[in-house]
All heavy atoms as atom14 arrays in JSON, in Angstrom:
{
  "sequence": "EAMIQARTDARKAKDFAEADRIRDELAEKGIILD",
  "atom14_mask": [
    [1, 1, 1, 1, 1, 1, 1, 1, 1, 0, 0, 0, 0, 0],
    [1, 1, 1, 1, 1, 0, 0, 0, 0, 0, 0, 0, 0, 0],
    [1, 1, 1, 1, 1, 1, 1, 1, 0, 0, 0, 0, 0, 0],
    [1, 1, 1, 1, 1, 1, 1, 1, 0, 0, 0, 0, 0, 0],
    [1, 1, 1, 1, 1, 1, 1, 1, 1, 0, 0, 0, 0, 0],
    [1, 1, 1, 1, 1, 0, 0, 0, 0, 0, 0, 0, 0, 0],
    [1, 1, 1, 1, 1, 1, 1, 1, 1, 1, 1, 0, 0, 0],
    [1, 1, 1, 1, 1, 1, 1, 0, 0, 0, 0, 0, 0, 0],
    [1, 1, 1, 1, 1, 1, 1, 1, 0, 0, 0, 0, 0, 0],
    [1, 1, 1, 1, 1, 0, 0, 0, 0, 0, 0, 0, 0, 0],
    [1, 1, 1, 1, 1, 1, 1, 1, 1, 1, 1, 0, 0, 0],
    [1, 1, 1, 1, 1, 1, 1, 1, 1, 0, 0, 0, 0, 0],
    [1, 1, 1, 1, 1, 0, 0, 0, 0, 0, 0, 0, 0, 0],
    [1, 1, 1, 1, 1, 1, 1, 1, 1, 0, 0, 0, 0, 0],
    [1, 1, 1, 1, 1, 1, 1, 1, 0, 0, 0, 0, 0, 0],
    [1, 1, 1, 1, 1, 1, 1, 1, 1, 1, 1, 0, 0, 0],
    [1, 1, 1, 1, 1, 0, 0, 0, 0, 0, 0, 0, 0, 0],
    [1, 1, 1, 1, 1, 1, 1, 1, 1, 0, 0, 0, 0, 0],
    [1, 1, 1, 1, 1, 0, 0, 0, 0, 0, 0, 0, 0, 0],
    [1, 1, 1, 1, 1, 1, 1, 1, 0, 0, 0, 0, 0, 0],
    [1, 1, 1, 1, 1, 1, 1, 1, 1, 1, 1, 0, 0, 0],
    [1, 1, 1, 1, 1, 1, 1, 1, 0, 0, 0, 0, 0, 0],
    [1, 1, 1, 1, 1, 1, 1, 1, 1, 1, 1, 0, 0, 0],
    [1, 1, 1, 1, 1, 1, 1, 1, 0, 0, 0, 0, 0, 0],
    [1, 1, 1, 1, 1, 1, 1, 1, 1, 0, 0, 0, 0, 0],
    [1, 1, 1, 1, 1, 1, 1, 1, 0, 0, 0, 0, 0, 0],
    [1, 1, 1, 1, 1, 0, 0, 0, 0, 0, 0, 0, 0, 0],
    [1, 1, 1, 1, 1, 1, 1, 1, 1, 0, 0, 0, 0, 0],
    [1, 1, 1, 1, 1, 1, 1, 1, 1, 0, 0, 0, 0, 0],
    [1, 1, 1, 1, 0, 0, 0, 0, 0, 0, 0, 0, 0, 0],
    [1, 1, 1, 1, 1, 1, 1, 1, 0, 0, 0, 0, 0, 0],
    [1, 1, 1, 1, 1, 1, 1, 1, 0, 0, 0, 0, 0, 0],
    [1, 1, 1, 1, 1, 1, 1, 1, 0, 0, 0, 0, 0, 0],
    [1, 1, 1, 1, 1, 1, 1, 1, 0, 0, 0, 0, 0, 0]
  ],
  "atom14_positions": [
    [[63.91, -140.79, 169.76], [63.38, -140.12, 170.95], [61.86, -139.95, 170.85], [61.14, -140.09, 171.85], [64.06, -138.74, 171.12], [65.55, -138.8, 171.44], [65.82, -139.37, 172.83], [64.87, -139.53, 173.62], [67.0, -139.66, 173.12], [0.0, 0.0, 0.0], [0.0, 0.0, 0.0], [0.0, 0.0, 0.0], [0.0, 0.0, 0.0], [0.0, 0.0, 0.0]],
    [[61.37, -139.66, 169.65], [59.92, -139.51, 169.46], [59.2, -140.84, 169.73], [58.12, -140.87, 170.34], [59.62, -139.02, 168.05], [0.0, 0.0, 0.0], [0.0, 0.0, 0.0], [0.0, 0.0, 0.0], [0.0, 0.0, 0.0], [0.0, 0.0, 0.0], [0.0, 0.0, 0.0], [0.0, 0.0, 0.0], [0.0, 0.0, 0.0], [0.0, 0.0, 0.0]],
    [[59.79, -141.94, 169.27], [59.19, -143.25, 169.5], [59.24, -143.63, 170.98], [58.31, -144.24, 171.5], [59.91, -144.3, 168.65], [59.68, -144.13, 167.15], [60.57, -145.32, 166.13], [59.62, -146.81, 166.48], [0.0, 0.0, 0.0], [0.0, 0.0, 0.0], [0.0, 0.0, 0.0], [0.0, 0.0, 0.0], [0.0, 0.0, 0.0], [0.0, 0.0, 0.0]],
    [[60.33, -143.24, 171.64], [60.42, -143.51, 173.08], [59.34, -142.72, 173.84], [58.69, -143.25, 174.76], [61.82, -143.15, 173.61], [62.86, -144.14, 173.07], [61.84, -143.12, 175.14], [64.29, -143.79, 173.42], [0.0, 0.0, 0.0], [0.0, 0.0, 0.0], [0.0, 0.0, 0.0], [0.0, 0.0, 0.0], [0.0, 0.0, 0.0], [0.0, 0.0, 0.0]],
    [[59.12, -141.47, 173.43], [58.08, -140.67, 174.06], [56.7, -141.28, 173.81], [55.85, -141.34, 174.71], [58.11, -139.24, 173.52], [57.13, -138.28, 174.21], [57.36, -138.18, 175.71], [58.47, -137.92, 176.15], [56.32, -138.43, 176.51], [0.0, 0.0, 0.0], [0.0, 0.0, 0.0], [0.0, 0.0, 0.0], [0.0, 0.0, 0.0], [0.0, 0.0, 0.0]],
    [[56.46, -141.76, 172.58], [55.18, -142.4, 172.27], [55.0, -143.65, 173.11], [53.88, -143.94, 173.58], [55.14, -142.75, 170.78], [0.0, 0.0, 0.0], [0.0, 0.0, 0.0], [0.0, 0.0, 0.0], [0.0, 0.0, 0.0], [0.0, 0.0, 0.0], [0.0, 0.0, 0.0], [0.0, 0.0, 0.0], [0.0, 0.0, 0.0], [0.0, 0.0, 0.0]],
    [[56.07, -144.39, 173.34], [55.98, -145.58, 174.18], [55.69, -145.19, 175.62], [54.88, -145.84, 176.31], [57.3, -146.36, 174.09], [57.38, -147.56, 175.03], [58.66, -148.34, 174.77], [58.81, -149.42, 175.72], [59.5, -149.34, 176.86], [60.11, -148.19, 177.19], [59.59, -150.38, 177.68], [0.0, 0.0, 0.0], [0.0, 0.0, 0.0], [0.0, 0.0, 0.0]],
    [[56.33, -144.12, 176.1], [56.08, -143.65, 177.46], [54.62, -143.24, 177.64], [53.98, -143.58, 178.65], [57.01, -142.46, 177.79], [58.38, -142.88, 177.67], [56.77, -141.94, 179.19], [0.0, 0.0, 0.0], [0.0, 0.0, 0.0], [0.0, 0.0, 0.0], [0.0, 0.0, 0.0], [0.0, 0.0, 0.0], [0.0, 0.0, 0.0], [0.0, 0.0, 0.0]],
    [[54.1, -142.52, 176.63], [52.69, -142.11, 176.68], [51.77, -143.33, 176.69], [50.76, -143.35, 177.42], [52.35, -141.22, 175.48], [53.1, -139.89, 175.52], [53.57, -139.51, 176.62], [53.23, -139.25, 174.47], [0.0, 0.0, 0.0], [0.0, 0.0, 0.0], [0.0, 0.0, 0.0], [0.0, 0.0, 0.0], [0.0, 0.0, 0.0], [0.0, 0.0, 0.0]],
    [[52.1, -144.36, 175.9], [51.28, -145.57, 175.86], [51.3, -146.29, 177.2], [50.26, -146.8, 177.66], [51.78, -146.49, 174.75], [0.0, 0.0, 0.0], [0.0, 0.0, 0.0], [0.0, 0.0, 0.0], [0.0, 0.0, 0.0], [0.0, 0.0, 0.0], [0.0, 0.0, 0.0], [0.0, 0.0, 0.0], [0.0, 0.0, 0.0], [0.0, 0.0, 0.0]],
    [[52.42, -146.31, 177.84], [52.51, -146.98, 179.14], [51.7, -146.22, 180.19], [51.03, -146.84, 181.04], [53.98, -147.09, 179.57], [54.8, -148.01, 178.67], [56.26, -148.0, 179.03], [56.55, -148.71, 180.27], [57.73, -148.73, 180.86], [58.73, -148.06, 180.31], [57.92, -149.41, 181.96], [0.0, 0.0, 0.0], [0.0, 0.0, 0.0], [0.0, 0.0, 0.0]],
    [[51.75, -144.88, 180.12], [50.96, -144.09, 181.08], [49.47, -144.34, 180.87], [48.68, -144.33, 181.84], [51.27, -142.6, 180.92], [52.65, -142.2, 181.45], [52.9, -140.71, 181.25], [54.27, -140.3, 181.79], [54.54, -138.86, 181.56], [0.0, 0.0, 0.0], [0.0, 0.0, 0.0], [0.0, 0.0, 0.0], [0.0, 0.0, 0.0], [0.0, 0.0, 0.0]],
    [[49.09, -144.55, 179.6], [47.68, -144.81, 179.29], [47.34, -146.29, 179.48], [46.22, -146.71, 179.14], [47.39, -144.39, 177.85], [0.0, 0.0, 0.0], [0.0, 0.0, 0.0], [0.0, 0.0, 0.0], [0.0, 0.0, 0.0], [0.0, 0.0, 0.0], [0.0, 0.0, 0.0], [0.0, 0.0, 0.0], [0.0, 0.0, 0.0], [0.0, 0.0, 0.0]],
    [[48.29, -147.06, 179.99], [48.13, -148.5, 180.21], [47.86, -149.27, 178.92], [47.24, -150.34, 178.92], [47.02, -148.77, 181.25], [47.31, -148.13, 182.62], [46.35, -148.64, 183.68], [46.57, -147.96, 185.02], [47.97, -148.11, 185.52], [0.0, 0.0, 0.0], [0.0, 0.0, 0.0], [0.0, 0.0, 0.0], [0.0, 0.0, 0.0], [0.0, 0.0, 0.0]],
    [[48.32, -148.72, 177.81], [48.22, -149.42, 176.53], [49.53, -150.17, 176.32], [50.38, -149.81, 175.51], [47.99, -148.4, 175.39], [47.7, -149.08, 174.06], [47.83, -150.33, 174.0], [47.37, -148.37, 173.09], [0.0, 0.0, 0.0], [0.0, 0.0, 0.0], [0.0, 0.0, 0.0], [0.0, 0.0, 0.0], [0.0, 0.0, 0.0], [0.0, 0.0, 0.0]],
    [[49.68, -151.25, 177.06], [50.95, -151.97, 177.08], [51.23, -152.7, 175.77], [52.39, -152.92, 175.41], [50.98, -152.95, 178.25], [50.86, -152.26, 179.59], [49.74, -152.44, 180.38], [51.85, -151.4, 180.04], [49.61, -151.8, 181.6], [51.75, -150.75, 181.26], [50.62, -150.95, 182.05], [0.0, 0.0, 0.0], [0.0, 0.0, 0.0], [0.0, 0.0, 0.0]],
    [[50.18, -153.06, 175.06], [50.38, -153.71, 173.76], [51.08, -152.75, 172.79], [52.01, -153.14, 172.06], [49.04, -154.16, 173.17], [0.0, 0.0, 0.0], [0.0, 0.0, 0.0], [0.0, 0.0, 0.0], [0.0, 0.0, 0.0], [0.0, 0.0, 0.0], [0.0, 0.0, 0.0], [0.0, 0.0, 0.0], [0.0, 0.0, 0.0], [0.0, 0.0, 0.0]],
    [[50.67, -151.47, 172.78], [51.29, -150.48, 171.92], [52.72, -150.2, 172.38], [53.64, -150.05, 171.55], [50.49, -149.19, 171.92], [51.1, -148.02, 171.17], [51.27, -148.27, 169.68], [50.78, -149.3, 169.17], [51.91, -147.43, 169.02], [0.0, 0.0, 0.0], [0.0, 0.0, 0.0], [0.0, 0.0, 0.0], [0.0, 0.0, 0.0], [0.0, 0.0, 0.0]],
    [[52.92, -150.14, 173.69], [54.26, -149.9, 174.23], [55.21, -151.02, 173.82], [56.35, -150.77, 173.41], [54.21, -149.78, 175.75], [0.0, 0.0, 0.0], [0.0, 0.0, 0.0], [0.0, 0.0, 0.0], [0.0, 0.0, 0.0], [0.0, 0.0, 0.0], [0.0, 0.0, 0.0], [0.0, 0.0, 0.0], [0.0, 0.0, 0.0], [0.0, 0.0, 0.0]],
    [[54.71, -152.26, 173.9], [55.54, -153.4, 173.51], [55.82, -153.38, 172.01], [56.91, -153.75, 171.56], [54.86, -154.72, 173.89], [54.84, -154.94, 175.4], [55.6, -154.24, 176.11], [54.07, -155.79, 175.86], [0.0, 0.0, 0.0], [0.0, 0.0, 0.0], [0.0, 0.0, 0.0], [0.0, 0.0, 0.0], [0.0, 0.0, 0.0], [0.0, 0.0, 0.0]],
    [[54.82, -152.96, 171.22], [55.0, -152.91, 169.77], [56.11, -151.92, 169.4], [56.95, -152.22, 168.54], [53.69, -152.5, 169.1], [53.76, -152.53, 167.56], [52.64, -151.74, 166.93], [52.75, -150.3, 167.19], [53.63, -149.51, 166.58], [54.48, -149.99, 165.68], [53.67, -148.22, 166.87], [0.0, 0.0, 0.0], [0.0, 0.0, 0.0], [0.0, 0.0, 0.0]],
    [[56.12, -150.77, 170.06], [57.15, -149.76, 169.77], [58.52, -150.28, 170.17], [59.49, -150.12, 169.43], [56.83, -148.44, 170.51], [55.54, -147.82, 169.95], [57.99, -147.46, 170.41], [55.05, -146.63, 170.73], [0.0, 0.0, 0.0], [0.0, 0.0, 0.0], [0.0, 0.0, 0.0], [0.0, 0.0, 0.0], [0.0, 0.0, 0.0], [0.0, 0.0, 0.0]],
    [[58.59, -150.93, 171.34], [59.87, -151.48, 171.79], [60.38, -152.53, 170.79], [61.56, -152.54, 170.44], [59.71, -152.1, 173.17], [61.02, -152.59, 173.78], [60.82, -153.3, 175.1], [62.12, -153.48, 175.73], [62.56, -152.79, 176.76], [61.82, -151.84, 177.29], [63.75, -153.04, 177.28], [0.0, 0.0, 0.0], [0.0, 0.0, 0.0], [0.0, 0.0, 0.0]],
    [[59.48, -153.41, 170.33], [59.87, -154.46, 169.39], [60.31, -153.86, 168.05], [61.26, -154.35, 167.43], [58.71, -155.43, 169.17], [58.41, -156.26, 170.41], [59.27, -156.3, 171.32], [57.31, -156.84, 170.49], [0.0, 0.0, 0.0], [0.0, 0.0, 0.0], [0.0, 0.0, 0.0], [0.0, 0.0, 0.0], [0.0, 0.0, 0.0], [0.0, 0.0, 0.0]],
    [[59.62, -152.8, 167.6], [59.98, -152.16, 166.34], [61.38, -151.56, 166.42], [62.18, -151.68, 165.48], [58.97, -151.07, 165.99], [59.27, -150.38, 164.65], [58.28, -149.27, 164.32], [57.22, -149.2, 164.97], [58.58, -148.47, 163.41], [0.0, 0.0, 0.0], [0.0, 0.0, 0.0], [0.0, 0.0, 0.0], [0.0, 0.0, 0.0], [0.0, 0.0, 0.0]],
    [[61.67, -150.94, 167.54], [63.01, -150.38, 167.72], [64.06, -151.49, 167.79], [65.16, -151.35, 167.23], [63.06, -149.53, 168.99], [62.35, -148.17, 168.9], [62.23, -147.54, 170.28], [63.1, -147.23, 167.96], [0.0, 0.0, 0.0], [0.0, 0.0, 0.0], [0.0, 0.0, 0.0], [0.0, 0.0, 0.0], [0.0, 0.0, 0.0], [0.0, 0.0, 0.0]],
    [[63.71, -152.58, 168.46], [64.66, -153.7, 168.57], [64.98, -154.28, 167.2], [66.13, -154.64, 166.91], [64.1, -154.78, 169.48], [0.0, 0.0, 0.0], [0.0, 0.0, 0.0], [0.0, 0.0, 0.0], [0.0, 0.0, 0.0], [0.0, 0.0, 0.0], [0.0, 0.0, 0.0], [0.0, 0.0, 0.0], [0.0, 0.0, 0.0], [0.0, 0.0, 0.0]],
    [[63.98, -154.34, 166.33], [64.19, -154.84, 164.97], [65.16, -153.94, 164.2], [65.85, -154.4, 163.3], [62.86, -154.93, 164.22], [61.97, -156.07, 164.71], [60.61, -156.07, 164.03], [60.4, -155.22, 163.12], [59.77, -156.91, 164.38], [0.0, 0.0, 0.0], [0.0, 0.0, 0.0], [0.0, 0.0, 0.0], [0.0, 0.0, 0.0], [0.0, 0.0, 0.0]],
    [[65.16, -152.67, 164.54], [66.04, -151.72, 163.88], [67.4, -151.6, 164.59], [68.19, -150.71, 164.31], [65.37, -150.34, 163.81], [64.09, -150.34, 162.96], [63.46, -148.96, 162.96], [62.14, -148.96, 162.2], [62.32, -149.26, 160.76], [0.0, 0.0, 0.0], [0.0, 0.0, 0.0], [0.0, 0.0, 0.0], [0.0, 0.0, 0.0], [0.0, 0.0, 0.0]],
    [[67.62, -152.49, 165.58], [68.91, -152.5, 166.26], [69.02, -151.52, 167.41], [70.13, -151.18, 167.83], [0.0, 0.0, 0.0], [0.0, 0.0, 0.0], [0.0, 0.0, 0.0], [0.0, 0.0, 0.0], [0.0, 0.0, 0.0], [0.0, 0.0, 0.0], [0.0, 0.0, 0.0], [0.0, 0.0, 0.0], [0.0, 0.0, 0.0], [0.0, 0.0, 0.0]],
    [[67.88, -151.05, 167.93], [67.89, -150.09, 169.03], [67.35, -150.76, 170.28], [66.22, -151.26, 170.3], [67.03, -148.84, 168.7], [67.51, -148.2, 167.4], [67.08, -147.84, 169.85], [68.95, -147.76, 167.4], [0.0, 0.0, 0.0], [0.0, 0.0, 0.0], [0.0, 0.0, 0.0], [0.0, 0.0, 0.0], [0.0, 0.0, 0.0], [0.0, 0.0, 0.0]],
    [[68.15, -150.78, 171.33], [67.77, -151.4, 172.6], [67.39, -150.33, 173.6], [68.09, -149.32, 173.75], [68.94, -152.24, 173.17], [69.43, -153.25, 172.13], [68.52, -152.93, 174.46], [68.37, -154.23, 171.65], [0.0, 0.0, 0.0], [0.0, 0.0, 0.0], [0.0, 0.0, 0.0], [0.0, 0.0, 0.0], [0.0, 0.0, 0.0], [0.0, 0.0, 0.0]],
    [[66.27, -150.53, 174.29], [65.81, -149.57, 175.31], [66.18, -150.09, 176.7], [66.06, -151.28, 176.98], [64.3, -149.38, 175.21], [63.75, -148.88, 173.87], [62.25, -148.64, 173.97], [64.47, -147.61, 173.42], [0.0, 0.0, 0.0], [0.0, 0.0, 0.0], [0.0, 0.0, 0.0], [0.0, 0.0, 0.0], [0.0, 0.0, 0.0], [0.0, 0.0, 0.0]],
    [[66.6, -149.16, 177.54], [66.93, -149.48, 178.93], [66.07, -148.6, 179.84], [66.2, -147.37, 179.82], [68.41, -149.23, 179.22], [69.32, -150.15, 178.41], [69.06, -151.36, 178.41], [70.26, -149.65, 177.78], [0.0, 0.0, 0.0], [0.0, 0.0, 0.0], [0.0, 0.0, 0.0], [0.0, 0.0, 0.0], [0.0, 0.0, 0.0], [0.0, 0.0, 0.0]]
  ]
}
């Protein structure tokens, strides 16, 4: 949940590279975001 919040904050700040990095990191750990 903390990583999802960090990704949400990055998207609001238009830091899409960081948002994508968090999503990819979670995906590597077997967590899919919807």
